[in-house]
């Protein structure tokens, strides 16, 4: 069971507000904190715009049996995946926590709105 004080501290932190510091608490660092992947979930994706943004995705993800030249990866078909899965994957590529050089380069060029739009479109494909 989570103690009420701990729960309140977690909720305060999750809401993005600074926790009150007591004299025994060391000073907070000034390093930026990455936004959680779920932050993109509050953005509504536009499938029509997403279709325009996915023209480069079709080159790999839309070709049956396609494999990269080097390194040799199987390229998954992503049509019909759940929107949140696609948002999480693209956000992880963007942040570098999911590794694939081509996907990292692609994802870094997208805004959070772009990612939501792409997920909205790709999730509608069969």
N, C-alpha and C. Protein backbone atom coordinates (compact mmCIF):
# COMPACT_ATOMS: atom_id res chain seq x y z
N UNK A 1 0.85 -1.19 0.00
CA UNK A 1 0.00 0.00 0.00
C UNK A 1 0.89 1.25 0.00
N UNK A 2 0.53 2.20 -0.81
CA UNK A 2 1.30 3.44 -0.90
C UNK A 2 0.83 4.38 0.20
N UNK A 3 1.78 4.91 0.93
CA UNK A 3 1.45 5.86 2.00
C UNK A 3 0.96 7.17 1.39
N UNK A 4 -0.01 7.83 2.04
CA UNK A 4 -0.58 9.06 1.49
C UNK A 4 0.46 10.13 1.17
N UNK A 5 1.46 10.32 2.02
CA UNK A 5 2.47 11.34 1.77
C UNK A 5 3.29 11.00 0.54
N UNK A 6 3.66 9.73 0.38
CA UNK A 6 4.41 9.30 -0.79
C UNK A 6 3.58 9.46 -2.05
N UNK A 7 2.31 9.08 -1.97
CA UNK A 7 1.41 9.22 -3.11
C UNK A 7 1.28 10.68 -3.49
N UNK A 8 1.10 11.56 -2.51
CA UNK A 8 0.98 12.99 -2.80
C UNK A 8 2.25 13.52 -3.45
N UNK A 9 3.41 13.06 -2.98
CA UNK A 9 4.68 13.50 -3.58
C UNK A 9 4.79 13.03 -5.01
N UNK A 10 4.39 11.78 -5.28
CA UNK A 10 4.44 11.24 -6.65
C UNK A 10 3.51 12.02 -7.56
N UNK A 11 2.30 12.30 -7.08
CA UNK A 11 1.35 13.03 -7.90
C UNK A 11 1.83 14.45 -8.16
N UNK A 12 2.43 15.08 -7.16
CA UNK A 12 2.97 16.42 -7.34
C UNK A 12 4.08 16.40 -8.37
N UNK A 13 4.98 15.41 -8.28
CA UNK A 13 6.07 15.29 -9.25
C UNK A 13 5.53 15.02 -10.63
N UNK A 14 4.57 14.12 -10.74
CA UNK A 14 4.00 13.76 -12.04
C UNK A 14 3.31 14.96 -12.68
N UNK A 15 2.76 15.84 -11.87
CA UNK A 15 2.09 17.02 -12.40
C UNK A 15 3.08 18.07 -12.88
N UNK A 16 4.37 17.84 -12.66
CA UNK A 16 5.38 18.75 -13.15
C UNK A 16 5.73 19.88 -12.21
N UNK A 17 5.24 19.83 -10.98
CA UNK A 17 5.59 20.87 -10.03
C UNK A 17 6.75 20.40 -9.18
N UNK A 18 7.54 21.33 -8.73
CA UNK A 18 8.70 20.98 -7.91
C UNK A 18 8.23 20.57 -6.53
N UNK A 19 8.90 19.59 -5.97
CA UNK A 19 8.61 19.16 -4.62
C UNK A 19 9.22 20.17 -3.64
N UNK A 20 8.52 20.39 -2.54
CA UNK A 20 9.05 21.29 -1.52
C UNK A 20 10.31 20.66 -0.93
N UNK A 21 11.33 21.46 -0.77
CA UNK A 21 12.59 20.95 -0.24
C UNK A 21 12.71 21.35 1.23
N UNK A 22 13.16 20.42 2.02
CA UNK A 22 13.44 20.70 3.42
C UNK A 22 14.93 20.96 3.53
N UNK A 23 15.40 21.54 4.63
CA UNK A 23 16.83 21.81 4.75
C UNK A 23 17.69 20.55 4.62
N UNK A 24 17.16 19.37 4.96
CA UNK A 24 17.93 18.14 4.87
C UNK A 24 17.99 17.62 3.43
N UNK A 25 17.19 18.18 2.54
CA UNK A 25 17.16 17.73 1.15
C UNK A 25 18.21 18.48 0.34
N UNK A 26 19.05 17.78 -0.43
CA UNK A 26 20.02 18.47 -1.25
C UNK A 26 19.33 19.28 -2.34
N UNK A 27 19.97 20.30 -2.85
CA UNK A 27 19.35 21.13 -3.89
C UNK A 27 19.09 20.32 -5.15
N UNK A 28 18.02 20.68 -5.85
CA UNK A 28 17.66 19.99 -7.09
C UNK A 28 18.67 20.32 -8.19
N UNK A 29 18.85 19.38 -9.10
CA UNK A 29 19.73 19.64 -10.23
C UNK A 29 18.99 20.47 -11.26
N UNK A 30 19.72 21.10 -12.14
CA UNK A 30 19.10 21.92 -13.16
C UNK A 30 19.01 21.19 -14.49
N UNK A 31 19.32 19.91 -14.52
CA UNK A 31 19.23 19.15 -15.76
C UNK A 31 17.78 19.03 -16.19
N UNK A 32 17.49 19.20 -17.50
CA UNK A 32 16.12 19.08 -17.96
C UNK A 32 15.64 17.64 -17.84
N UNK A 33 14.35 17.51 -17.60
CA UNK A 33 13.74 16.19 -17.50
C UNK A 33 12.94 15.96 -18.76
N UNK A 34 13.14 14.81 -19.39
CA UNK A 34 12.42 14.48 -20.62
C UNK A 34 10.95 14.28 -20.31
N UNK A 35 10.11 14.74 -21.22
CA UNK A 35 8.67 14.55 -21.04
C UNK A 35 8.35 13.07 -21.21
N UNK A 36 7.42 12.56 -20.43
CA UNK A 36 7.07 11.15 -20.57
C UNK A 36 6.42 10.87 -21.92
N UNK A 37 6.58 9.65 -22.40
CA UNK A 37 6.02 9.26 -23.69
C UNK A 37 4.51 9.43 -23.72
N UNK A 38 3.87 9.35 -22.58
CA UNK A 38 2.42 9.47 -22.53
C UNK A 38 1.96 10.90 -22.75
N UNK A 39 2.86 11.88 -22.71
CA UNK A 39 2.47 13.26 -22.95
C UNK A 39 1.90 13.40 -24.36
N UNK A 40 2.43 12.65 -25.32
CA UNK A 40 1.94 12.71 -26.69
C UNK A 40 0.52 12.16 -26.79
N UNK A 41 0.09 11.37 -25.81
CA UNK A 41 -1.24 10.77 -25.84
C UNK A 41 -2.33 11.84 -25.73
N UNK A 42 -2.02 13.01 -25.20
CA UNK A 42 -3.02 14.06 -25.05
C UNK A 42 -3.22 14.83 -26.35
N UNK A 43 -2.37 14.61 -27.32
CA UNK A 43 -2.49 15.27 -28.62
C UNK A 43 -3.38 14.40 -29.51
N UNK A 44 -4.33 15.02 -30.19
CA UNK A 44 -5.20 14.29 -31.09
C UNK A 44 -4.54 14.24 -32.46
N UNK A 45 -4.40 13.01 -32.99
CA UNK A 45 -3.77 12.83 -34.29
C UNK A 45 -4.75 13.06 -35.43
N UNK A 46 -4.23 13.57 -36.53
CA UNK A 46 -5.00 13.82 -37.74
C UNK A 46 -4.52 12.83 -38.80
N UNK A 47 -5.33 11.82 -39.09
CA UNK A 47 -4.94 10.75 -40.02
C UNK A 47 -4.67 11.29 -41.43
N UNK A 48 -5.43 12.30 -41.85
CA UNK A 48 -5.22 12.87 -43.19
C UNK A 48 -3.83 13.49 -43.31
N UNK A 49 -3.44 14.24 -42.29
CA UNK A 49 -2.09 14.83 -42.28
C UNK A 49 -1.04 13.74 -42.11
N UNK A 50 -1.36 12.74 -41.29
CA UNK A 50 -0.43 11.62 -41.08
C UNK A 50 -0.11 10.89 -42.37
N UNK A 51 -1.10 10.77 -43.24
CA UNK A 51 -0.87 10.11 -44.54
C UNK A 51 0.19 10.85 -45.34
N UNK A 52 0.16 12.18 -45.29
CA UNK A 52 1.15 12.98 -46.01
C UNK A 52 2.55 12.80 -45.41
N UNK A 53 2.62 12.61 -44.10
CA UNK A 53 3.91 12.49 -43.43
C UNK A 53 4.55 11.10 -43.58
N UNK A 54 3.78 10.11 -43.99
CA UNK A 54 4.30 8.74 -44.03
C UNK A 54 4.82 8.31 -45.40
N UNK A 55 5.01 9.24 -46.31
CA UNK A 55 5.48 8.84 -47.64
C UNK A 55 6.83 8.12 -47.58
N UNK A 56 7.72 8.51 -46.68
CA UNK A 56 9.01 7.80 -46.59
C UNK A 56 8.88 6.47 -45.87
N UNK A 57 7.87 6.31 -45.04
CA UNK A 57 7.67 5.04 -44.32
C UNK A 57 7.34 3.91 -45.28
N UNK A 58 6.61 4.23 -46.34
CA UNK A 58 6.18 3.21 -47.29
C UNK A 58 7.35 2.50 -47.96
N UNK A 59 8.47 3.19 -48.13
CA UNK A 59 9.63 2.59 -48.79
C UNK A 59 10.12 1.33 -48.10
N UNK A 60 10.02 1.27 -46.79
CA UNK A 60 10.47 0.08 -46.05
C UNK A 60 9.30 -0.72 -45.48
N UNK A 61 8.38 -0.03 -44.82
CA UNK A 61 7.33 -0.72 -44.09
C UNK A 61 6.17 -1.16 -44.97
N UNK A 62 6.11 -0.66 -46.20
CA UNK A 62 4.99 -1.01 -47.07
C UNK A 62 5.32 -2.07 -48.10
N UNK A 63 6.55 -2.55 -48.15
CA UNK A 63 6.96 -3.52 -49.15
C UNK A 63 7.05 -4.90 -48.51
N UNK A 64 6.26 -5.83 -49.00
CA UNK A 64 6.23 -7.20 -48.47
C UNK A 64 7.60 -7.85 -48.57
N UNK A 65 8.10 -8.37 -47.45
CA UNK A 65 9.36 -9.10 -47.44
C UNK A 65 10.61 -8.24 -47.55
N UNK A 66 10.48 -6.92 -47.45
CA UNK A 66 11.63 -6.03 -47.59
C UNK A 66 12.59 -6.19 -46.43
N UNK A 67 13.88 -6.16 -46.73
CA UNK A 67 14.93 -6.19 -45.71
C UNK A 67 15.93 -5.10 -46.06
N UNK A 68 16.47 -4.46 -45.04
CA UNK A 68 17.51 -3.45 -45.26
C UNK A 68 18.75 -4.12 -45.85
N UNK A 69 19.56 -3.35 -46.58
CA UNK A 69 20.80 -3.88 -47.13
C UNK A 69 21.83 -4.16 -46.05
N UNK A 70 22.13 -3.17 -45.22
CA UNK A 70 23.07 -3.37 -44.11
C UNK A 70 22.74 -2.35 -43.03
N UNK A 71 22.72 -2.69 -41.81
CA UNK A 71 22.71 -4.07 -41.33
C UNK A 71 21.42 -4.74 -41.76
N UNK A 72 21.40 -6.02 -41.77
CA UNK A 72 20.30 -6.79 -42.32
C UNK A 72 19.19 -6.99 -41.28
N UNK A 73 18.19 -6.13 -41.30
CA UNK A 73 17.06 -6.20 -40.38
C UNK A 73 15.82 -6.61 -41.15
N UNK A 74 14.98 -7.38 -40.49
CA UNK A 74 13.64 -7.59 -41.03
C UNK A 74 12.86 -6.32 -40.72
N UNK A 75 12.17 -5.77 -41.69
CA UNK A 75 11.40 -4.54 -41.48
C UNK A 75 9.95 -4.93 -41.22
N UNK A 76 9.44 -4.63 -40.05
CA UNK A 76 8.06 -5.03 -39.72
C UNK A 76 7.02 -4.22 -40.48
N UNK A 77 5.91 -4.87 -40.76
CA UNK A 77 4.76 -4.15 -41.30
C UNK A 77 4.05 -3.50 -40.12
N UNK A 78 3.82 -2.22 -40.19
CA UNK A 78 3.29 -1.49 -39.04
C UNK A 78 1.83 -1.08 -39.21
N UNK A 79 1.26 -1.32 -40.37
CA UNK A 79 -0.14 -0.98 -40.61
C UNK A 79 -1.05 -1.69 -39.63
N UNK A 80 -1.99 -0.96 -39.03
CA UNK A 80 -2.95 -1.53 -38.12
C UNK A 80 -2.48 -1.63 -36.67
N UNK A 81 -1.25 -1.23 -36.39
CA UNK A 81 -0.78 -1.23 -35.00
C UNK A 81 -1.59 -0.21 -34.19
N UNK A 82 -1.69 -0.43 -32.90
CA UNK A 82 -2.41 0.50 -32.02
C UNK A 82 -1.71 1.86 -32.04
N UNK A 83 -2.47 2.94 -32.05
CA UNK A 83 -1.87 4.28 -32.08
C UNK A 83 -0.87 4.52 -30.94
N UNK A 84 -1.20 4.10 -29.73
CA UNK A 84 -0.30 4.35 -28.60
C UNK A 84 1.02 3.59 -28.77
N UNK A 85 0.97 2.39 -29.32
CA UNK A 85 2.19 1.63 -29.59
C UNK A 85 3.08 2.41 -30.56
N UNK A 86 2.48 2.93 -31.62
CA UNK A 86 3.24 3.69 -32.63
C UNK A 86 3.81 4.98 -32.03
N UNK A 87 3.01 5.66 -31.22
CA UNK A 87 3.49 6.88 -30.56
C UNK A 87 4.68 6.56 -29.66
N UNK A 88 4.54 5.50 -28.86
CA UNK A 88 5.63 5.11 -27.97
C UNK A 88 6.89 4.75 -28.75
N UNK A 89 6.74 3.97 -29.81
CA UNK A 89 7.89 3.54 -30.59
C UNK A 89 8.61 4.74 -31.21
N UNK A 90 7.86 5.62 -31.86
CA UNK A 90 8.49 6.78 -32.50
C UNK A 90 9.13 7.71 -31.46
N UNK A 91 8.48 7.87 -30.32
CA UNK A 91 9.05 8.71 -29.26
C UNK A 91 10.34 8.10 -28.73
N UNK A 92 10.37 6.78 -28.57
CA UNK A 92 11.58 6.10 -28.10
C UNK A 92 12.71 6.21 -29.13
N UNK A 93 12.40 6.11 -30.41
CA UNK A 93 13.43 6.33 -31.44
C UNK A 93 13.93 7.77 -31.37
N UNK A 94 13.01 8.70 -31.20
CA UNK A 94 13.36 10.12 -31.13
C UNK A 94 14.29 10.41 -29.96
N UNK A 95 14.03 9.78 -28.83
CA UNK A 95 14.83 10.01 -27.62
C UNK A 95 16.09 9.14 -27.58
N UNK A 96 16.21 8.21 -28.51
CA UNK A 96 17.40 7.35 -28.55
C UNK A 96 17.34 6.14 -27.65
N UNK A 97 16.20 5.89 -27.01
CA UNK A 97 16.09 4.71 -26.14
C UNK A 97 15.76 3.45 -26.93
N UNK A 98 15.27 3.61 -28.14
CA UNK A 98 15.06 2.47 -29.04
C UNK A 98 16.05 2.68 -30.17
N UNK A 99 16.82 1.65 -30.47
CA UNK A 99 17.95 1.80 -31.39
C UNK A 99 17.65 1.30 -32.80
N UNK A 100 17.84 2.14 -33.76
CA UNK A 100 17.89 1.82 -35.19
C UNK A 100 18.23 3.15 -35.87
N UNK A 101 19.41 3.26 -36.48
CA UNK A 101 19.86 4.55 -37.00
C UNK A 101 18.89 5.24 -37.95
N UNK A 102 18.29 4.50 -38.86
CA UNK A 102 17.37 5.12 -39.81
C UNK A 102 16.13 5.62 -39.11
N UNK A 103 15.58 4.80 -38.22
CA UNK A 103 14.37 5.21 -37.51
C UNK A 103 14.66 6.37 -36.55
N UNK A 104 15.83 6.38 -35.94
CA UNK A 104 16.17 7.50 -35.06
C UNK A 104 16.26 8.79 -35.86
N UNK A 105 16.86 8.73 -37.03
CA UNK A 105 16.97 9.93 -37.87
C UNK A 105 15.59 10.42 -38.31
N UNK A 106 14.74 9.49 -38.71
CA UNK A 106 13.39 9.86 -39.12
C UNK A 106 12.63 10.50 -37.95
N UNK A 107 12.63 9.81 -36.81
CA UNK A 107 11.84 10.26 -35.67
C UNK A 107 12.30 11.61 -35.13
N UNK A 108 13.58 11.88 -35.21
CA UNK A 108 14.09 13.17 -34.69
C UNK A 108 13.59 14.35 -35.49
N UNK A 109 13.12 14.09 -36.71
CA UNK A 109 12.60 15.19 -37.54
C UNK A 109 11.13 15.48 -37.25
N UNK A 110 10.48 14.68 -36.40
CA UNK A 110 9.05 14.83 -36.13
C UNK A 110 8.78 15.58 -34.84
N UNK A 111 7.72 16.36 -34.86
CA UNK A 111 7.21 16.98 -33.64
C UNK A 111 6.27 15.98 -32.97
N UNK A 112 5.83 16.29 -31.75
CA UNK A 112 4.86 15.44 -31.07
C UNK A 112 3.56 15.35 -31.87
N UNK A 113 3.17 16.45 -32.49
CA UNK A 113 1.95 16.45 -33.32
C UNK A 113 2.15 15.56 -34.55
N UNK A 114 3.32 15.64 -35.18
CA UNK A 114 3.62 14.77 -36.32
C UNK A 114 3.49 13.30 -35.93
N UNK A 115 4.05 12.95 -34.79
CA UNK A 115 4.01 11.55 -34.33
C UNK A 115 2.56 11.13 -34.10
N UNK A 116 1.76 11.97 -33.49
CA UNK A 116 0.34 11.64 -33.26
C UNK A 116 -0.39 11.48 -34.59
N UNK A 117 -0.10 12.34 -35.56
CA UNK A 117 -0.74 12.26 -36.87
C UNK A 117 -0.33 10.98 -37.60
N UNK A 118 0.95 10.65 -37.56
CA UNK A 118 1.45 9.42 -38.20
C UNK A 118 0.79 8.20 -37.56
N UNK A 119 0.72 8.17 -36.25
CA UNK A 119 0.09 7.05 -35.55
C UNK A 119 -1.39 6.94 -35.90
N UNK A 120 -2.06 8.07 -36.00
CA UNK A 120 -3.50 8.07 -36.36
C UNK A 120 -3.69 7.45 -37.73
N UNK A 121 -2.83 7.76 -38.68
CA UNK A 121 -2.96 7.21 -40.03
C UNK A 121 -2.55 5.75 -40.10
N UNK A 122 -1.38 5.42 -39.61
CA UNK A 122 -0.87 4.04 -39.74
C UNK A 122 -1.77 3.06 -39.02
N UNK A 123 -2.37 3.47 -37.92
CA UNK A 123 -3.25 2.57 -37.18
C UNK A 123 -4.51 2.20 -37.96
N UNK A 124 -4.87 2.98 -38.98
CA UNK A 124 -6.06 2.69 -39.78
C UNK A 124 -5.78 1.71 -40.91
N UNK A 125 -4.52 1.44 -41.19
CA UNK A 125 -4.16 0.56 -42.33
C UNK A 125 -4.32 -0.91 -41.94
N UNK A 126 -4.55 -1.71 -42.93
CA UNK A 126 -4.65 -3.17 -42.71
C UNK A 126 -3.37 -3.84 -43.12
